[in-house]
């Protein structure tokens, strides 16, 4: 379940690849953790639709061309990137819970903690946003 930290920064214990890690959850950052764990950390439940961005496409109604919007999640966007698999997507989301977090890290010029080819693909896609 997705939770949002509305208070000051907090250390959260999460499971990644069968091992437990502590991560710093900053104010206004979200994370996907079990419901009881989010409640224990006094985090705010987030409606998943708040974290999705619309994808604009063109459609037809008869002969009229119209703009349509499809809601697509951050995970679905990552899944569309060729050469990035399910395990890597989970690693990306555990490091950057929202698309905004990833974009901010790229804009700040931070080194992404992934293989060079994955980092290059993410930078090529998200550096433009």
N, C-alpha and C. Protein backbone atom coordinates (compact mmCIF):
# COMPACT_ATOMS: atom_id res chain seq x y z
N UNK A 1 0.85 -1.16 0.00
CA UNK A 1 0.00 0.00 0.00
C UNK A 1 0.91 1.24 0.00
N UNK A 2 0.49 2.27 -0.67
CA UNK A 2 1.27 3.50 -0.82
C UNK A 2 0.98 4.46 0.34
N UNK A 3 2.06 4.98 0.96
CA UNK A 3 1.94 5.93 2.06
C UNK A 3 2.78 7.16 1.76
N UNK A 4 2.39 8.28 2.36
CA UNK A 4 3.08 9.55 2.18
C UNK A 4 3.50 10.08 3.54
N UNK A 5 4.74 10.55 3.62
CA UNK A 5 5.25 11.13 4.85
C UNK A 5 4.99 12.63 4.84
N UNK A 6 4.04 13.10 5.62
CA UNK A 6 3.69 14.52 5.70
C UNK A 6 4.45 15.22 6.83
N UNK A 7 5.17 14.45 7.63
CA UNK A 7 5.87 15.03 8.78
C UNK A 7 7.37 15.13 8.48
N UNK A 8 8.18 15.30 9.51
CA UNK A 8 9.62 15.40 9.31
C UNK A 8 10.20 14.06 8.85
N UNK A 9 11.44 14.07 8.36
CA UNK A 9 12.09 12.87 7.84
C UNK A 9 12.06 11.74 8.87
N UNK A 10 11.89 10.51 8.37
CA UNK A 10 11.80 9.36 9.26
C UNK A 10 12.54 8.17 8.63
N UNK A 11 13.19 7.36 9.47
CA UNK A 11 13.85 6.14 9.02
C UNK A 11 12.80 5.03 8.94
N UNK A 12 12.74 4.34 7.80
CA UNK A 12 11.76 3.28 7.59
C UNK A 12 12.52 2.01 7.22
N UNK A 13 12.14 0.91 7.84
CA UNK A 13 12.77 -0.38 7.56
C UNK A 13 11.95 -1.08 6.48
N UNK A 14 12.63 -1.44 5.36
CA UNK A 14 11.94 -2.10 4.26
C UNK A 14 12.68 -3.37 3.88
N UNK A 15 11.96 -4.27 3.21
CA UNK A 15 12.57 -5.50 2.71
C UNK A 15 12.85 -5.34 1.23
N UNK A 16 14.11 -5.56 0.83
CA UNK A 16 14.52 -5.50 -0.57
C UNK A 16 15.28 -6.77 -0.90
N UNK A 17 14.75 -7.54 -1.83
CA UNK A 17 15.38 -8.79 -2.27
C UNK A 17 15.68 -9.73 -1.10
N UNK A 18 14.74 -9.84 -0.17
CA UNK A 18 14.88 -10.76 0.95
C UNK A 18 15.74 -10.24 2.09
N UNK A 19 16.29 -9.04 1.96
CA UNK A 19 17.10 -8.45 3.02
C UNK A 19 16.42 -7.18 3.51
N UNK A 20 16.67 -6.84 4.77
CA UNK A 20 16.07 -5.64 5.35
C UNK A 20 17.06 -4.48 5.30
N UNK A 21 16.52 -3.30 4.97
CA UNK A 21 17.33 -2.09 4.89
C UNK A 21 16.57 -0.95 5.56
N UNK A 22 17.32 0.02 6.05
CA UNK A 22 16.73 1.25 6.57
C UNK A 22 16.89 2.31 5.50
N UNK A 23 15.81 3.02 5.21
CA UNK A 23 15.89 4.12 4.26
C UNK A 23 15.35 5.38 4.92
N UNK A 24 15.82 6.52 4.45
CA UNK A 24 15.33 7.79 4.96
C UNK A 24 14.16 8.23 4.10
N UNK A 25 13.00 8.32 4.69
CA UNK A 25 11.81 8.79 4.00
C UNK A 25 11.65 10.27 4.33
N UNK A 26 11.91 11.11 3.34
CA UNK A 26 11.87 12.56 3.56
C UNK A 26 10.43 13.06 3.57
N UNK A 27 10.28 14.28 4.06
CA UNK A 27 8.96 14.90 4.11
C UNK A 27 8.39 14.99 2.69
N UNK A 28 7.10 14.67 2.53
CA UNK A 28 6.37 14.68 1.26
C UNK A 28 6.86 13.63 0.27
N UNK A 29 7.59 12.63 0.73
CA UNK A 29 8.01 11.51 -0.12
C UNK A 29 7.09 10.34 0.17
N UNK A 30 6.81 9.55 -0.86
CA UNK A 30 5.91 8.41 -0.67
C UNK A 30 6.69 7.11 -0.78
N UNK A 31 6.07 6.04 -0.25
CA UNK A 31 6.70 4.73 -0.25
C UNK A 31 5.61 3.67 -0.29
N UNK A 32 5.91 2.52 -0.87
CA UNK A 32 4.99 1.40 -0.94
C UNK A 32 5.43 0.37 0.09
N UNK A 33 4.66 0.25 1.17
CA UNK A 33 4.97 -0.70 2.25
C UNK A 33 3.67 -1.34 2.72
N UNK A 34 3.78 -2.43 3.49
CA UNK A 34 2.55 -3.06 4.02
C UNK A 34 1.75 -2.08 4.86
N UNK A 35 0.44 -2.26 4.85
CA UNK A 35 -0.48 -1.33 5.51
C UNK A 35 -0.17 -1.14 6.99
N UNK A 36 0.03 -2.22 7.72
CA UNK A 36 0.28 -2.10 9.16
C UNK A 36 1.57 -1.35 9.44
N UNK A 37 2.58 -1.56 8.61
CA UNK A 37 3.85 -0.88 8.79
C UNK A 37 3.67 0.64 8.58
N UNK A 38 2.91 1.03 7.56
CA UNK A 38 2.64 2.44 7.32
C UNK A 38 1.90 3.09 8.48
N UNK A 39 0.95 2.35 9.04
CA UNK A 39 0.20 2.84 10.20
C UNK A 39 1.13 3.01 11.40
N UNK A 40 2.03 2.03 11.61
CA UNK A 40 2.97 2.09 12.72
C UNK A 40 3.90 3.30 12.63
N UNK A 41 4.27 3.69 11.42
CA UNK A 41 5.14 4.85 11.21
C UNK A 41 4.34 6.16 11.15
N UNK A 42 3.03 6.11 11.36
CA UNK A 42 2.15 7.28 11.31
C UNK A 42 2.22 8.00 9.97
N UNK A 43 2.24 7.22 8.88
CA UNK A 43 2.26 7.78 7.54
C UNK A 43 0.83 7.90 7.02
N UNK A 44 0.64 8.79 6.05
CA UNK A 44 -0.68 9.04 5.48
C UNK A 44 -0.91 8.14 4.27
N UNK A 45 -2.07 7.46 4.25
CA UNK A 45 -2.41 6.63 3.10
C UNK A 45 -2.60 7.52 1.88
N UNK A 46 -2.11 7.05 0.73
CA UNK A 46 -2.20 7.82 -0.51
C UNK A 46 -3.08 7.09 -1.49
N UNK A 47 -3.95 7.83 -2.15
CA UNK A 47 -4.76 7.29 -3.22
C UNK A 47 -3.84 7.08 -4.42
N UNK A 48 -3.76 5.88 -4.94
CA UNK A 48 -2.84 5.54 -6.05
C UNK A 48 -3.04 6.44 -7.25
N UNK A 49 -4.25 6.91 -7.49
CA UNK A 49 -4.48 7.77 -8.66
C UNK A 49 -3.78 9.11 -8.53
N UNK A 50 -3.45 9.54 -7.32
CA UNK A 50 -2.71 10.79 -7.13
C UNK A 50 -1.27 10.68 -7.63
N UNK A 51 -0.75 9.46 -7.72
CA UNK A 51 0.64 9.27 -8.12
C UNK A 51 0.77 8.93 -9.60
N UNK A 52 -0.33 8.91 -10.32
CA UNK A 52 -0.29 8.57 -11.74
C UNK A 52 -0.40 9.82 -12.59
N UNK A 53 0.24 9.79 -13.71
CA UNK A 53 0.20 10.92 -14.63
C UNK A 53 -0.55 10.51 -15.89
N UNK A 54 -1.30 11.44 -16.51
CA UNK A 54 -2.03 11.06 -17.72
C UNK A 54 -1.09 10.97 -18.92
N UNK A 55 -1.36 9.99 -19.78
CA UNK A 55 -0.65 9.85 -21.04
C UNK A 55 -1.62 10.30 -22.13
N UNK A 56 -1.23 11.32 -22.88
CA UNK A 56 -2.12 11.91 -23.88
C UNK A 56 -1.89 11.23 -25.22
N UNK A 57 -2.98 10.81 -25.85
CA UNK A 57 -2.92 10.19 -27.18
C UNK A 57 -4.04 10.79 -28.03
N UNK A 58 -4.03 10.45 -29.29
CA UNK A 58 -5.11 10.89 -30.17
C UNK A 58 -6.04 9.73 -30.44
N UNK A 59 -7.33 10.04 -30.49
CA UNK A 59 -8.33 9.04 -30.80
C UNK A 59 -9.33 9.62 -31.78
N UNK A 60 -10.22 8.80 -32.24
CA UNK A 60 -11.24 9.25 -33.20
C UNK A 60 -12.63 8.99 -32.64
N UNK A 61 -13.50 9.97 -32.88
CA UNK A 61 -14.93 9.77 -32.68
C UNK A 61 -15.54 10.07 -34.04
N UNK A 62 -15.89 9.02 -34.74
CA UNK A 62 -16.32 9.19 -36.13
C UNK A 62 -15.14 9.72 -36.94
N UNK A 63 -15.33 10.85 -37.58
CA UNK A 63 -14.25 11.44 -38.35
C UNK A 63 -13.50 12.52 -37.57
N UNK A 64 -13.97 12.82 -36.38
CA UNK A 64 -13.36 13.86 -35.56
C UNK A 64 -12.19 13.29 -34.76
N UNK A 65 -11.04 13.97 -34.81
CA UNK A 65 -9.87 13.56 -34.03
C UNK A 65 -9.96 14.24 -32.68
N UNK A 66 -9.84 13.46 -31.60
CA UNK A 66 -9.93 13.99 -30.25
C UNK A 66 -8.70 13.57 -29.46
N UNK A 67 -8.44 14.30 -28.39
CA UNK A 67 -7.34 13.98 -27.50
C UNK A 67 -7.88 13.10 -26.38
N UNK A 68 -7.21 11.97 -26.13
CA UNK A 68 -7.63 11.08 -25.04
C UNK A 68 -6.50 11.01 -24.03
N UNK A 69 -6.85 10.76 -22.79
CA UNK A 69 -5.85 10.64 -21.73
C UNK A 69 -6.00 9.30 -21.05
N UNK A 70 -4.88 8.63 -20.89
CA UNK A 70 -4.86 7.35 -20.20
C UNK A 70 -3.98 7.53 -18.97
N UNK A 71 -4.48 7.12 -17.82
CA UNK A 71 -3.70 7.22 -16.59
C UNK A 71 -2.69 6.06 -16.58
N UNK A 72 -1.42 6.41 -16.39
CA UNK A 72 -0.37 5.39 -16.39
C UNK A 72 0.51 5.61 -15.16
N UNK A 73 0.81 4.54 -14.44
CA UNK A 73 1.61 4.66 -13.22
C UNK A 73 3.10 4.70 -13.55
N UNK A 74 3.87 5.10 -12.56
CA UNK A 74 5.33 5.17 -12.68
C UNK A 74 5.88 3.79 -13.03
N UNK A 75 5.37 2.75 -12.39
CA UNK A 75 5.84 1.39 -12.65
C UNK A 75 5.53 0.97 -14.09
N UNK A 76 4.36 1.34 -14.60
CA UNK A 76 4.00 1.02 -15.99
C UNK A 76 4.91 1.75 -16.97
N UNK A 77 5.27 3.00 -16.65
CA UNK A 77 6.19 3.74 -17.51
C UNK A 77 7.55 3.06 -17.56
N UNK A 78 8.04 2.63 -16.40
CA UNK A 78 9.33 1.95 -16.36
C UNK A 78 9.28 0.63 -17.11
N UNK A 79 8.14 -0.05 -17.03
CA UNK A 79 7.97 -1.34 -17.70
C UNK A 79 8.04 -1.19 -19.22
N UNK A 80 7.70 -0.02 -19.75
CA UNK A 80 7.73 0.20 -21.19
C UNK A 80 9.14 0.45 -21.72
N UNK A 81 10.11 0.69 -20.83
CA UNK A 81 11.48 0.96 -21.26
C UNK A 81 12.15 -0.36 -21.62
N UNK A 82 12.58 -0.47 -22.85
CA UNK A 82 13.21 -1.69 -23.34
C UNK A 82 14.54 -1.91 -22.62
N UNK A 83 14.74 -3.13 -22.13
CA UNK A 83 15.99 -3.48 -21.47
C UNK A 83 15.96 -3.34 -19.96
N UNK A 84 14.82 -2.93 -19.40
CA UNK A 84 14.68 -2.83 -17.95
C UNK A 84 13.65 -3.85 -17.52
N UNK A 85 14.09 -4.81 -16.71
CA UNK A 85 13.22 -5.91 -16.29
C UNK A 85 12.51 -5.64 -14.98
N UNK A 86 11.73 -6.61 -14.56
CA UNK A 86 10.91 -6.51 -13.36
C UNK A 86 11.75 -6.25 -12.11
N UNK A 87 12.86 -6.97 -11.96
CA UNK A 87 13.71 -6.82 -10.78
C UNK A 87 14.31 -5.41 -10.73
N UNK A 88 14.76 -4.92 -11.86
CA UNK A 88 15.33 -3.58 -11.92
C UNK A 88 14.27 -2.52 -11.64
N UNK A 89 13.05 -2.74 -12.13
CA UNK A 89 11.95 -1.81 -11.84
C UNK A 89 11.71 -1.73 -10.34
N UNK A 90 11.71 -2.88 -9.66
CA UNK A 90 11.51 -2.89 -8.21
C UNK A 90 12.66 -2.16 -7.50
N UNK A 91 13.89 -2.34 -8.00
CA UNK A 91 15.04 -1.63 -7.42
C UNK A 91 14.91 -0.12 -7.61
N UNK A 92 14.46 0.30 -8.80
CA UNK A 92 14.29 1.73 -9.08
C UNK A 92 13.24 2.32 -8.15
N UNK A 93 12.11 1.62 -8.01
CA UNK A 93 11.01 2.13 -7.18
C UNK A 93 11.39 2.12 -5.69
N UNK A 94 12.21 1.16 -5.26
CA UNK A 94 12.63 1.17 -3.86
C UNK A 94 13.57 2.35 -3.59
N UNK A 95 14.36 2.75 -4.58
CA UNK A 95 15.27 3.89 -4.43
C UNK A 95 14.55 5.22 -4.66
N UNK A 96 13.66 5.25 -5.66
CA UNK A 96 12.91 6.46 -6.01
C UNK A 96 11.43 6.09 -6.06
N UNK A 97 10.70 6.22 -4.94
CA UNK A 97 9.31 5.78 -4.87
C UNK A 97 8.37 6.46 -5.86
N UNK A 98 8.69 7.69 -6.26
CA UNK A 98 7.84 8.38 -7.22
C UNK A 98 8.67 8.82 -8.42
N UNK A 99 7.99 9.05 -9.51
CA UNK A 99 8.65 9.52 -10.73
C UNK A 99 9.31 10.88 -10.47
N UNK A 100 8.67 11.69 -9.66
CA UNK A 100 9.21 13.01 -9.33
C UNK A 100 10.56 12.90 -8.61
N UNK A 101 10.70 11.91 -7.72
CA UNK A 101 11.96 11.70 -7.02
C UNK A 101 13.08 11.37 -8.00
N UNK A 102 12.79 10.52 -8.98
CA UNK A 102 13.77 10.16 -10.00
C UNK A 102 14.15 11.37 -10.85
N UNK A 103 13.16 12.12 -11.27
CA UNK A 103 13.41 13.32 -12.10
C UNK A 103 14.27 14.32 -11.33
N UNK A 104 13.97 14.54 -10.05
CA UNK A 104 14.75 15.47 -9.24
C UNK A 104 16.20 15.02 -9.09
N UNK A 105 16.41 13.72 -8.87
CA UNK A 105 17.77 13.20 -8.75
C UNK A 105 18.55 13.39 -10.05
N UNK A 106 17.90 13.19 -11.18
CA UNK A 106 18.55 13.37 -12.47
C UNK A 106 18.86 14.84 -12.71
N UNK A 107 17.92 15.72 -12.39
CA UNK A 107 18.14 17.16 -12.57
C UNK A 107 19.26 17.67 -11.68
N UNK A 108 19.41 17.08 -10.50
CA UNK A 108 20.47 17.48 -9.58
C UNK A 108 21.82 16.88 -9.97
N UNK A 109 21.83 16.02 -10.99
CA UNK A 109 23.07 15.43 -11.48
C UNK A 109 23.61 14.32 -10.59
N UNK A 110 22.76 13.75 -9.74
CA UNK A 110 23.20 12.67 -8.86
C UNK A 110 23.50 11.40 -9.66
N UNK A 111 24.45 10.61 -9.17
CA UNK A 111 24.75 9.31 -9.75
C UNK A 111 23.64 8.36 -9.33
N UNK A 112 23.02 7.69 -10.30
CA UNK A 112 21.96 6.74 -9.99
C UNK A 112 22.59 5.40 -9.63
N UNK A 113 22.09 4.72 -8.60
CA UNK A 113 22.72 3.47 -8.12
C UNK A 113 22.29 2.23 -8.91
N UNK A 114 22.40 2.32 -10.23
CA UNK A 114 22.02 1.19 -11.08
C UNK A 114 23.14 0.95 -12.10
N UNK A 115 23.01 -0.13 -12.85
CA UNK A 115 24.00 -0.39 -13.92
C UNK A 115 24.08 0.81 -14.84
N UNK A 116 25.23 0.96 -15.49
CA UNK A 116 25.44 2.12 -16.37
C UNK A 116 24.42 2.18 -17.49
N UNK A 117 24.06 1.04 -18.08
CA UNK A 117 23.11 1.06 -19.19
C UNK A 117 21.72 1.48 -18.73
N UNK A 118 21.33 1.06 -17.53
CA UNK A 118 20.03 1.44 -16.97
C UNK A 118 20.03 2.94 -16.65
N UNK A 119 21.11 3.41 -16.05
CA UNK A 119 21.21 4.84 -15.72
C UNK A 119 21.13 5.69 -16.99
N UNK A 120 21.82 5.26 -18.04
CA UNK A 120 21.80 6.01 -19.31
C UNK A 120 20.40 6.07 -19.90
N UNK A 121 19.68 4.95 -19.87
CA UNK A 121 18.31 4.92 -20.39
C UNK A 121 17.40 5.85 -19.59
N UNK A 122 17.51 5.80 -18.26
CA UNK A 122 16.68 6.66 -17.42
C UNK A 122 17.00 8.13 -17.64
N UNK A 123 18.28 8.45 -17.77
CA UNK A 123 18.67 9.84 -18.01
C UNK A 123 18.16 10.33 -19.38
N UNK A 124 18.24 9.48 -20.38
CA UNK A 124 17.76 9.87 -21.72
C UNK A 124 16.27 10.16 -21.70
N UNK A 125 15.52 9.42 -20.93
CA UNK A 125 14.06 9.58 -20.90
C UNK A 125 13.65 10.73 -19.97
N UNK A 126 14.20 10.75 -18.76
CA UNK A 126 13.72 11.67 -17.73
C UNK A 126 14.48 13.00 -17.67
N UNK A 127 15.59 13.12 -18.36
CA UNK A 127 16.33 14.39 -18.35
C UNK A 127 15.59 15.46 -19.12
N UNK A 128 14.69 15.06 -20.01
CA UNK A 128 13.95 16.00 -20.83
C UNK A 128 12.75 16.58 -20.12
N UNK A 129 12.30 15.93 -19.03
CA UNK A 129 11.07 16.36 -18.34
C UNK A 129 11.34 17.47 -17.35
